[in-house]
C-alpha atoms as a PDB file:
ATOM      1  CA  UNK A   1     128.947 118.652 122.379  1.00  0.00           C
ATOM      2  CA  UNK A   2     132.228 119.500 120.681  1.00  0.00           C
ATOM      3  CA  UNK A   3     134.722 122.074 121.730  1.00  0.00           C
ATOM      4  CA  UNK A   4     136.914 124.408 119.757  1.00  0.00           C
ATOM      5  CA  UNK A   5     139.272 121.464 118.935  1.00  0.00           C
ATOM      6  CA  UNK A   6     136.737 119.363 117.688  1.00  0.00           C
ATOM      7  CA  UNK A   7     137.058 117.083 120.656  1.00  0.00           C
ATOM      8  CA  UNK A   8     134.383 115.493 122.652  1.00  0.00           C
ATOM      9  CA  UNK A   9     134.070 117.814 125.882  1.00  0.00           C
ATOM     10  CA  UNK A  10     131.515 115.765 127.775  1.00  0.00           C
ATOM     11  CA  UNK A  11     133.923 112.334 128.182  1.00  0.00           C
ATOM     12  CA  UNK A  12     136.748 114.576 128.960  1.00  0.00           C
ATOM     13  CA  UNK A  13     134.962 116.412 131.897  1.00  0.00           C
ATOM     14  CA  UNK A  14     133.605 112.813 133.245  1.00  0.00           C
ATOM     15  CA  UNK A  15     137.179 111.668 132.999  1.00  0.00           C
ATOM     16  CA  UNK A  16     138.456 114.936 135.062  1.00  0.00           C
ATOM     17  CA  UNK A  17     135.866 114.618 137.579  1.00  0.00           C
ATOM     18  CA  UNK A  18     136.562 111.017 138.323  1.00  0.00           C
ATOM     19  CA  UNK A  19     140.524 111.747 138.593  1.00  0.00           C
ATOM     20  CA  UNK A  20     139.646 114.948 140.996  1.00  0.00           C
ATOM     21  CA  UNK A  21     137.504 112.691 143.148  1.00  0.00           C
ATOM     22  CA  UNK A  22     140.206 109.814 143.214  1.00  0.00           C
ATOM     23  CA  UNK A  23     142.888 112.214 144.063  1.00  0.00           C
ATOM     24  CA  UNK A  24     140.758 113.688 146.951  1.00  0.00           C
ATOM     25  CA  UNK A  25     139.828 110.530 148.386  1.00  0.00           C
ATOM     26  CA  UNK A  26     143.422 109.329 148.280  1.00  0.00           C
ATOM     27  CA  UNK A  27     144.516 112.814 149.738  1.00  0.00           C
ATOM     28  CA  UNK A  28     141.990 112.342 152.645  1.00  0.00           C
ATOM     29  CA  UNK A  29     142.966 108.649 153.475  1.00  0.00           C
ATOM     30  CA  UNK A  30     146.584 109.224 153.449  1.00  0.00           C
ATOM     31  CA  UNK A  31     146.307 112.480 155.407  1.00  0.00           C
ATOM     32  CA  UNK A  32     144.113 110.658 158.105  1.00  0.00           C
ATOM     33  CA  UNK A  33     146.131 107.384 158.365  1.00  0.00           C
ATOM     34  CA  UNK A  34     147.081 106.767 161.831  1.00  0.00           C
ATOM     35  CA  UNK A  35     149.030 103.606 163.088  1.00  0.00           C
ATOM     36  CA  UNK A  36     148.589 102.620 166.811  1.00  0.00           C
ATOM     37  CA  UNK A  37     151.400 103.708 169.334  1.00  0.00           C
ATOM     38  CA  UNK A  38     153.574 101.332 171.282  1.00  0.00           C
ATOM     39  CA  UNK A  39     152.574 100.758 175.078  1.00  0.00           C
ATOM     40  CA  UNK A  40     152.810 103.865 177.318  1.00  0.00           C
ATOM     41  CA  UNK A  41     154.064 103.830 181.047  1.00  0.00           C
ATOM     42  CA  UNK A  42     152.004 105.187 183.952  1.00  0.00           C
ATOM     43  CA  UNK A  43     153.357 106.995 186.750  1.00  0.00           C
ATOM     44  CA  UNK A  44     154.715 103.977 188.496  1.00  0.00           C
ATOM     45  CA  UNK A  45     156.358 102.495 185.453  1.00  0.00           C
ATOM     46  CA  UNK A  46     153.935  99.944 184.447  1.00  0.00           C
ATOM     47  CA  UNK A  47     152.999  99.125 180.946  1.00  0.00           C
ATOM     48  CA  UNK A  48     149.629 100.511 180.116  1.00  0.00           C
ATOM     49  CA  UNK A  49     147.815 101.221 176.597  1.00  0.00           C
ATOM     50  CA  UNK A  50     148.131 104.310 174.998  1.00  0.00           C
ATOM     51  CA  UNK A  51     145.310 107.051 175.792  1.00  0.00           C
ATOM     52  CA  UNK A  52     142.949 107.662 172.675  1.00  0.00           C
ATOM     53  CA  UNK A  53     143.785 111.201 171.702  1.00  0.00           C
ATOM     54  CA  UNK A  54     142.825 112.953 168.679  1.00  0.00           C
ATOM     55  CA  UNK A  55     139.925 111.872 166.535  1.00  0.00           C
ATOM     56  CA  UNK A  56     136.996 110.172 167.919  1.00  0.00           C
ATOM     57  CA  UNK A  57     137.853 106.591 166.238  1.00  0.00           C
ATOM     58  CA  UNK A  58     139.261 105.081 169.277  1.00  0.00           C
ATOM     59  CA  UNK A  59     138.020 103.208 172.330  1.00  0.00           C
ATOM     60  CA  UNK A  60     140.443 101.954 175.444  1.00  0.00           C
ATOM     61  CA  UNK A  61     139.765 100.405 178.888  1.00  0.00           C
ATOM     62  CA  UNK A  62     141.816 103.058 180.729  1.00  0.00           C
ATOM     63  CA  UNK A  63     140.051 104.719 183.746  1.00  0.00           C
ATOM     64  CA  UNK A  64     140.847 108.400 182.476  1.00  0.00           C
ATOM     65  CA  UNK A  65     139.335 107.814 178.975  1.00  0.00           C
ATOM     66  CA  UNK A  66     135.918 109.385 179.518  1.00  0.00           C
ATOM     67  CA  UNK A  67     133.425 108.902 176.732  1.00  0.00           C
ATOM     68  CA  UNK A  68     135.922 106.755 174.989  1.00  0.00           C
ATOM     69  CA  UNK A  69     136.261 104.180 177.924  1.00  0.00           C
ATOM     70  CA  UNK A  70     135.207 100.663 177.552  1.00  0.00           C
ATOM     71  CA  UNK A  71     135.311  98.030 180.439  1.00  0.00           C
ATOM     72  CA  UNK A  72     138.236  95.583 180.317  1.00  0.00           C
ATOM     73  CA  UNK A  73     137.484  91.786 180.012  1.00  0.00           C
ATOM     74  CA  UNK A  74     137.905  89.866 182.862  1.00  0.00           C
ATOM     75  CA  UNK A  75     138.626  85.969 183.478  1.00  0.00           C
ATOM     76  CA  UNK A  76     138.656  83.846 186.620  1.00  0.00           C
ATOM     77  CA  UNK A  77     141.891  82.284 185.630  1.00  0.00           C
ATOM     78  CA  UNK A  78     145.400  82.980 185.339  1.00  0.00           C
ATOM     79  CA  UNK A  79     146.817  85.491 182.609  1.00  0.00           C
ATOM     80  CA  UNK A  80     148.399  82.558 180.761  1.00  0.00           C
ATOM     81  CA  UNK A  81     145.078  80.915 180.369  1.00  0.00           C
ATOM     82  CA  UNK A  82     143.406  84.219 179.519  1.00  0.00           C
ATOM     83  CA  UNK A  83     145.756  84.638 176.875  1.00  0.00           C
ATOM     84  CA  UNK A  84     145.490  81.184 175.410  1.00  0.00           C
ATOM     85  CA  UNK A  85     141.471  81.707 175.158  1.00  0.00           C
ATOM     86  CA  UNK A  86     142.063  85.228 173.879  1.00  0.00           C
ATOM     87  CA  UNK A  87     144.638  83.768 171.029  1.00  0.00           C
ATOM     88  CA  UNK A  88     142.193  81.001 170.116  1.00  0.00           C
ATOM     89  CA  UNK A  89     139.210  83.311 169.718  1.00  0.00           C
ATOM     90  CA  UNK A  90     141.555  85.852 167.626  1.00  0.00           C
ATOM     91  CA  UNK A  91     143.051  83.201 165.311  1.00  0.00           C
ATOM     92  CA  UNK A  92     139.326  81.814 164.724  1.00  0.00           C
ATOM     93  CA  UNK A  93     138.167  85.004 163.361  1.00  0.00           C
ATOM     94  CA  UNK A  94     137.919  85.975 159.597  1.00  0.00           C
ATOM     95  CA  UNK A  95     140.053  89.165 158.707  1.00  0.00           C
ATOM     96  CA  UNK A  96     142.180  89.111 161.597  1.00  0.00           C
ATOM     97  CA  UNK A  97     146.001  88.911 161.485  1.00  0.00           C
ATOM     98  CA  UNK A  98     148.157  88.735 164.677  1.00  0.00           C
ATOM     99  CA  UNK A  99     150.894  91.198 164.688  1.00  0.00           C
ATOM    100  CA  UNK A 100     152.680  90.799 167.995  1.00  0.00           C
ATOM    101  CA  UNK A 101     151.734  88.043 170.643  1.00  0.00           C
ATOM    102  CA  UNK A 102     153.960  88.269 173.613  1.00  0.00           C
ATOM    103  CA  UNK A 103     153.162  86.978 177.241  1.00  0.00           C
ATOM    104  CA  UNK A 104     151.160  90.027 178.360  1.00  0.00           C
ATOM    105  CA  UNK A 105     150.517  91.706 175.285  1.00  0.00           C
ATOM    106  CA  UNK A 106     148.838  91.162 172.047  1.00  0.00           C
ATOM    107  CA  UNK A 107     148.374  93.266 169.009  1.00  0.00           C
ATOM    108  CA  UNK A 108     146.000  92.343 166.216  1.00  0.00           C
ATOM    109  CA  UNK A 109     144.838  93.850 162.974  1.00  0.00           C
ATOM    110  CA  UNK A 110     140.865  93.699 161.979  1.00  0.00           C
ATOM    111  CA  UNK A 111     140.499  93.932 158.473  1.00  0.00           C
ATOM    112  CA  UNK A 112     136.913  94.855 157.390  1.00  0.00           C
ATOM    113  CA  UNK A 113     135.263  92.489 154.627  1.00  0.00           C
ATOM    114  CA  UNK A 114     134.066  94.798 152.043  1.00  0.00           C
ATOM    115  CA  UNK A 115     136.327  97.948 152.033  1.00  0.00           C
ATOM    116  CA  UNK A 116     139.314  96.314 153.606  1.00  0.00           C
ATOM    117  CA  UNK A 117     139.735  98.978 156.421  1.00  0.00           C
ATOM    118  CA  UNK A 118     142.539  97.956 159.001  1.00  0.00           C
ATOM    119  CA  UNK A 119     141.671  98.530 162.588  1.00  0.00           C
ATOM    120  CA  UNK A 120     144.299  97.961 165.302  1.00  0.00           C
ATOM    121  CA  UNK A 121     143.125  96.103 168.409  1.00  0.00           C
ATOM    122  CA  UNK A 122     145.762  95.706 171.409  1.00  0.00           C
ATOM    123  CA  UNK A 123     145.362  93.654 174.496  1.00  0.00           C
ATOM    124  CA  UNK A 124     147.343  94.169 177.621  1.00  0.00           C
ATOM    125  CA  UNK A 125     147.141  91.011 180.166  1.00  0.00           C
ATOM    126  CA  UNK A 126     147.583  91.535 183.699  1.00  0.00           C
ATOM    127  CA  UNK A 127     146.872  89.314 187.085  1.00  0.00           C
ATOM    128  CA  UNK A 128     144.557  90.491 189.582  1.00  0.00           C
ATOM    129  CA  UNK A 129     143.307  89.001 193.200  1.00  0.00           C
ATOM    130  CA  UNK A 130     140.353  87.398 191.494  1.00  0.00           C
ATOM    131  CA  UNK A 131     141.830  86.340 187.914  1.00  0.00           C
ATOM    132  CA  UNK A 132     142.695  88.199 185.023  1.00  0.00           C
ATOM    133  CA  UNK A 133     142.170  91.426 183.437  1.00  0.00           C
ATOM    134  CA  UNK A 134     142.546  92.185 179.705  1.00  0.00           C
ATOM    135  CA  UNK A 135     142.671  95.719 178.931  1.00  0.00           C
ATOM    136  CA  UNK A 136     141.748  96.756 175.132  1.00  0.00           C
ATOM    137  CA  UNK A 137     142.511  99.644 172.948  1.00  0.00           C
ATOM    138  CA  UNK A 138     140.759  99.406 169.423  1.00  0.00           C
ATOM    139  CA  UNK A 139     141.356 102.290 166.927  1.00  0.00           C
ATOM    140  CA  UNK A 140     140.598 102.786 163.283  1.00  0.00           C
ATOM    141  CA  UNK A 141     143.679 103.616 161.121  1.00  0.00           C
ATOM    142  CA  UNK A 142     141.759 105.969 158.829  1.00  0.00           C
ATOM    143  CA  UNK A 143     138.995 108.754 158.758  1.00  0.00           C
ATOM    144  CA  UNK A 144     137.633 110.966 161.471  1.00  0.00           C
ATOM    145  CA  UNK A 145     135.018 108.972 163.092  1.00  0.00           C
ATOM    146  CA  UNK A 146     134.093 105.394 163.002  1.00  0.00           C
ATOM    147  CA  UNK A 147     130.375 105.087 164.012  1.00  0.00           C
ATOM    148  CA  UNK A 148     131.126 103.190 167.029  1.00  0.00           C
ATOM    149  CA  UNK A 149     132.832 100.423 164.826  1.00  0.00           C
ATOM    150  CA  UNK A 150     135.464  99.837 167.604  1.00  0.00           C
ATOM    151  CA  UNK A 151     132.917  99.751 170.606  1.00  0.00           C
ATOM    152  CA  UNK A 152     130.710  97.250 168.733  1.00  0.00           C
ATOM    153  CA  UNK A 153     133.801  94.928 167.786  1.00  0.00           C
ATOM    154  CA  UNK A 154     134.796  94.833 171.758  1.00  0.00           C
ATOM    155  CA  UNK A 155     130.977  94.236 172.685  1.00  0.00           C
ATOM    156  CA  UNK A 156     130.737  91.585 170.161  1.00  0.00           C
ATOM    157  CA  UNK A 157     134.015  89.930 171.293  1.00  0.00           C
ATOM    158  CA  UNK A 158     133.074  90.389 174.948  1.00  0.00           C
ATOM    159  CA  UNK A 159     129.777  88.403 174.315  1.00  0.00           C
ATOM    160  CA  UNK A 160     131.527  85.815 172.224  1.00  0.00           C
ATOM    161  CA  UNK A 161     134.265  85.200 174.768  1.00  0.00           C
ATOM    162  CA  UNK A 162     131.764  84.991 177.941  1.00  0.00           C
ATOM    163  CA  UNK A 163     130.993  81.465 176.593  1.00  0.00           C
ATOM    164  CA  UNK A 164     134.493  80.949 177.408  1.00  0.00           C
ATOM    165  CA  UNK A 165     134.400  81.961 180.833  1.00  0.00           C
ATOM    166  CA  UNK A 166     135.405  85.556 180.310  1.00  0.00           C
ATOM    167  CA  UNK A 167     132.949  88.199 182.086  1.00  0.00           C
END
């Protein structure tokens, strides 16, 4: 079909629709981007993982997390041994980048294989009477809902780490 200028209208409309779709996608992606917040402090002043506020794309092992709560990892060993086992597991995974690795805190980024989405996963290690506790916070950086990707990731991690003595 030719317009009043003699140009083909059909291909131009397809190009404009494609451009509009691209702009909308970029706008939604940038508008929904979120980077994980640093450690928070509880009433006693101890370090704790931040709460999962906002969109339902986050889980955390805090007692006040409600439906977003996941159980922490536990190990019948010292925090230093728990950290070593966790670091070994993380470095052996494809698509995982370690951002921060302190004595009691690890921040890793999990990158999805196909679409290359980046999800922040934080670990806070602390000693308990019967071993170590590893609190976890996992949050997708973009989008509104994560279709339980973060929960599935943590449960997969729990199953694999169980073979190394974590419960």
